[in-house]
Amino acid sequence: MLIIYTILNIVMLRVSPLPVNKQGGSFILLVLVMTGFLAGLSLLGFKNTIQSSKLTAGFINNKLVFSRAQAAMNTAQTHLENTKTQHTDIKSSALSSYMIEKLLLAGADTNTQYYRVTTKGFDQEGLNVVTIQAIIRESDQLVRVSWQQLP
């Protein structure tokens, strides 16, 4: 048995080992660097996708809240046409509210009345609020004299 073991060792020593490729380590290093670069690039793209999604959702939510404030402005103007309010009138709902104030302006024309209408639109969570304010003149018909969105 010892003889067979010795012969096998001699045969194994005479067989040359596999040739060593000296560029194998640098290739693996290059592959690791490229993999890290591509992983970083994909993470950056993923982050940009999430940011873009948040911006789009915020823009859509802001447009929705603005349209609710505009609808409240139209409702307030209709209420003003129907009642010719003489006092401050406030109406609120879960999604919008408006306030009508009669302005006491002394002018040459006593038949002309001015009203300040302030409306707010809300989102479902109450995080976004849009405020719109308008001055409405009433003579023969209602006319919006000024209009602005408040910050």
Protein backbone atom coordinates (compact mmCIF):
# COMPACT_ATOMS: atom_id res chain seq x y z
CA MET A 1 0.00 0.00 0.00
CA LEU A 2 2.85 2.28 0.76
CA ILE A 3 4.33 1.61 -2.65
CA ILE A 4 1.09 2.58 -4.41
CA TYR A 5 0.86 5.75 -2.34
CA THR A 6 4.47 6.67 -3.21
CA ILE A 7 3.91 6.05 -6.92
CA LEU A 8 0.78 8.19 -6.90
CA ASN A 9 2.68 11.03 -5.21
CA ILE A 10 5.47 10.85 -7.78
CA VAL A 11 2.98 10.84 -10.65
CA MET A 12 1.12 13.77 -9.13
CA LEU A 13 4.30 15.78 -8.71
CA ARG A 14 5.33 15.20 -12.29
CA VAL A 15 1.99 16.35 -13.64
CA SER A 16 2.29 20.05 -14.04
CA PRO A 17 -0.40 22.08 -12.27
CA LEU A 18 -2.93 24.08 -14.22
CA PRO A 19 -1.42 27.14 -15.85
CA VAL A 20 -1.97 30.31 -13.83
CA ASN A 21 -3.44 33.23 -15.73
CA LYS A 22 -1.91 36.37 -14.31
CA GLN A 23 -4.74 38.53 -15.68
CA GLY A 24 -7.49 36.62 -13.84
CA GLY A 25 -7.36 38.83 -10.76
CA SER A 26 -7.49 42.08 -12.70
CA PHE A 27 -10.48 40.83 -14.73
CA ILE A 28 -12.37 39.95 -11.54
CA LEU A 29 -11.54 43.38 -10.14
CA LEU A 30 -12.81 45.04 -13.33
CA VAL A 31 -16.04 43.02 -13.15
CA LEU A 32 -16.54 44.04 -9.51
CA VAL A 33 -15.99 47.72 -10.31
CA MET A 34 -18.40 47.57 -13.25
CA THR A 35 -21.01 45.75 -11.12
CA GLY A 36 -20.71 48.39 -8.40
CA PHE A 37 -21.01 51.19 -10.97
CA LEU A 38 -24.12 49.65 -12.55
CA ALA A 39 -25.69 49.03 -9.12
CA GLY A 40 -25.08 52.66 -8.14
CA LEU A 41 -26.52 53.84 -11.44
CA SER A 42 -29.66 51.74 -10.98
CA LEU A 43 -30.11 53.02 -7.41
CA LEU A 44 -29.82 56.59 -8.67
CA GLY A 45 -32.46 55.87 -11.32
CA PHE A 46 -34.72 54.32 -8.69
CA LYS A 47 -34.32 57.38 -6.45
CA ASN A 48 -35.16 59.70 -9.37
CA THR A 49 -38.24 57.62 -10.17
CA ILE A 50 -39.49 57.90 -6.59
CA GLN A 51 -38.84 61.67 -6.54
CA SER A 52 -40.64 62.12 -9.85
CA SER A 53 -43.59 60.13 -8.56
CA LYS A 54 -43.82 62.30 -5.43
CA LEU A 55 -43.64 65.50 -7.49
CA THR A 56 -46.36 64.29 -9.84
CA ALA A 57 -48.62 63.30 -6.95
CA GLY A 58 -48.03 66.69 -5.29
CA PHE A 59 -48.79 68.55 -8.52
CA ILE A 60 -52.02 66.59 -9.09
CA ASN A 61 -53.04 67.11 -5.45
CA ASN A 62 -52.36 70.87 -5.72
CA LYS A 63 -54.43 71.12 -8.91
CA LEU A 64 -57.29 69.26 -7.21
CA VAL A 65 -57.17 71.58 -4.18
CA PHE A 66 -57.04 74.64 -6.48
CA SER A 67 -60.09 73.43 -8.41
CA ARG A 68 -61.96 72.97 -5.12
CA ALA A 69 -61.12 76.55 -4.12
CA GLN A 70 -62.24 77.77 -7.55
CA ALA A 71 -65.52 75.84 -7.20
CA ALA A 72 -66.03 77.45 -3.79
CA MET A 73 -65.44 80.86 -5.44
CA ASN A 74 -68.15 80.11 -8.01
CA THR A 75 -70.51 78.92 -5.26
CA ALA A 76 -69.86 82.08 -3.24
CA GLN A 77 -70.52 84.26 -6.26
CA THR A 78 -73.80 82.43 -6.93
CA HIS A 79 -74.75 82.85 -3.26
CA LEU A 80 -73.92 86.54 -3.50
CA GLU A 81 -76.07 86.96 -6.62
CA ASN A 82 -79.02 85.28 -4.91
CA THR A 83 -78.91 86.92 -1.48
CA LYS A 84 -77.13 90.30 -1.82
CA THR A 85 -75.66 89.71 1.61
CA GLN A 86 -75.32 92.65 3.99
CA HIS A 87 -72.99 90.96 6.44
CA THR A 88 -70.15 88.52 6.59
CA ASP A 89 -71.25 85.15 5.31
CA ILE A 90 -69.21 82.01 5.94
CA LYS A 91 -69.85 78.54 4.59
CA SER A 92 -67.58 75.57 5.14
CA SER A 93 -67.49 71.95 4.06
CA ALA A 94 -64.93 69.17 4.38
CA LEU A 95 -63.26 70.07 1.07
CA SER A 96 -63.75 73.82 0.66
CA SER A 97 -64.97 76.95 2.38
CA TYR A 98 -65.77 80.54 1.47
CA MET A 99 -66.26 83.82 3.25
CA ILE A 100 -68.07 86.86 1.82
CA GLU A 101 -67.43 90.27 3.33
CA LYS A 102 -69.18 93.46 2.32
CA LEU A 103 -66.67 96.27 1.95
CA LEU A 104 -67.76 99.66 3.22
CA LEU A 105 -66.37 101.91 0.53
CA ALA A 106 -67.55 105.48 0.20
CA GLY A 107 -67.64 106.47 -3.43
CA ALA A 108 -69.48 108.69 -5.84
CA ASP A 109 -71.81 105.88 -6.92
CA THR A 110 -73.89 104.75 -3.95
CA ASN A 111 -75.52 101.95 -5.95
CA THR A 112 -72.23 100.09 -6.36
CA GLN A 113 -71.30 97.63 -3.65
CA TYR A 114 -67.98 95.81 -3.26
CA TYR A 115 -67.50 92.39 -1.69
CA ARG A 116 -64.34 90.53 -0.77
CA VAL A 117 -64.68 86.77 -1.26
CA THR A 118 -62.05 84.50 0.27
CA THR A 119 -62.17 80.79 -0.55
CA LYS A 120 -60.10 77.83 0.55
CA GLY A 121 -59.75 74.38 -0.97
CA PHE A 122 -58.53 71.43 1.10
CA ASP A 123 -57.28 67.94 0.31
CA GLN A 124 -58.54 64.82 2.08
CA GLU A 125 -55.70 64.77 4.63
CA GLY A 126 -55.75 68.51 5.25
CA LEU A 127 -52.09 68.89 4.27
CA ASN A 128 -52.57 71.11 1.21
CA VAL A 129 -54.60 74.30 1.32
CA VAL A 130 -55.13 76.79 -1.50
CA THR A 131 -56.56 80.22 -0.68
CA ILE A 132 -58.12 82.43 -3.36
CA GLN A 133 -59.33 85.96 -2.78
CA ALA A 134 -61.39 88.12 -5.12
CA ILE A 135 -62.98 91.56 -5.01
CA ILE A 136 -66.41 91.53 -6.62
CA ARG A 137 -68.24 94.67 -7.68
CA GLU A 138 -72.01 94.72 -7.81
CA SER A 139 -73.72 97.35 -9.87
CA ASP A 140 -76.06 95.92 -12.49
CA GLN A 141 -74.32 92.55 -12.37
CA LEU A 142 -71.46 90.98 -10.44
CA VAL A 143 -67.99 91.54 -11.86
CA ARG A 144 -64.72 90.22 -10.44
CA VAL A 145 -62.52 93.27 -10.11
CA SER A 146 -59.44 91.48 -8.82
CA TRP A 147 -58.41 87.94 -8.19
CA GLN A 148 -55.34 86.42 -6.57
CA GLN A 149 -54.07 83.22 -5.05
CA LEU A 150 -52.68 83.82 -1.59
CA PRO A 151 -49.54 81.94 -0.50
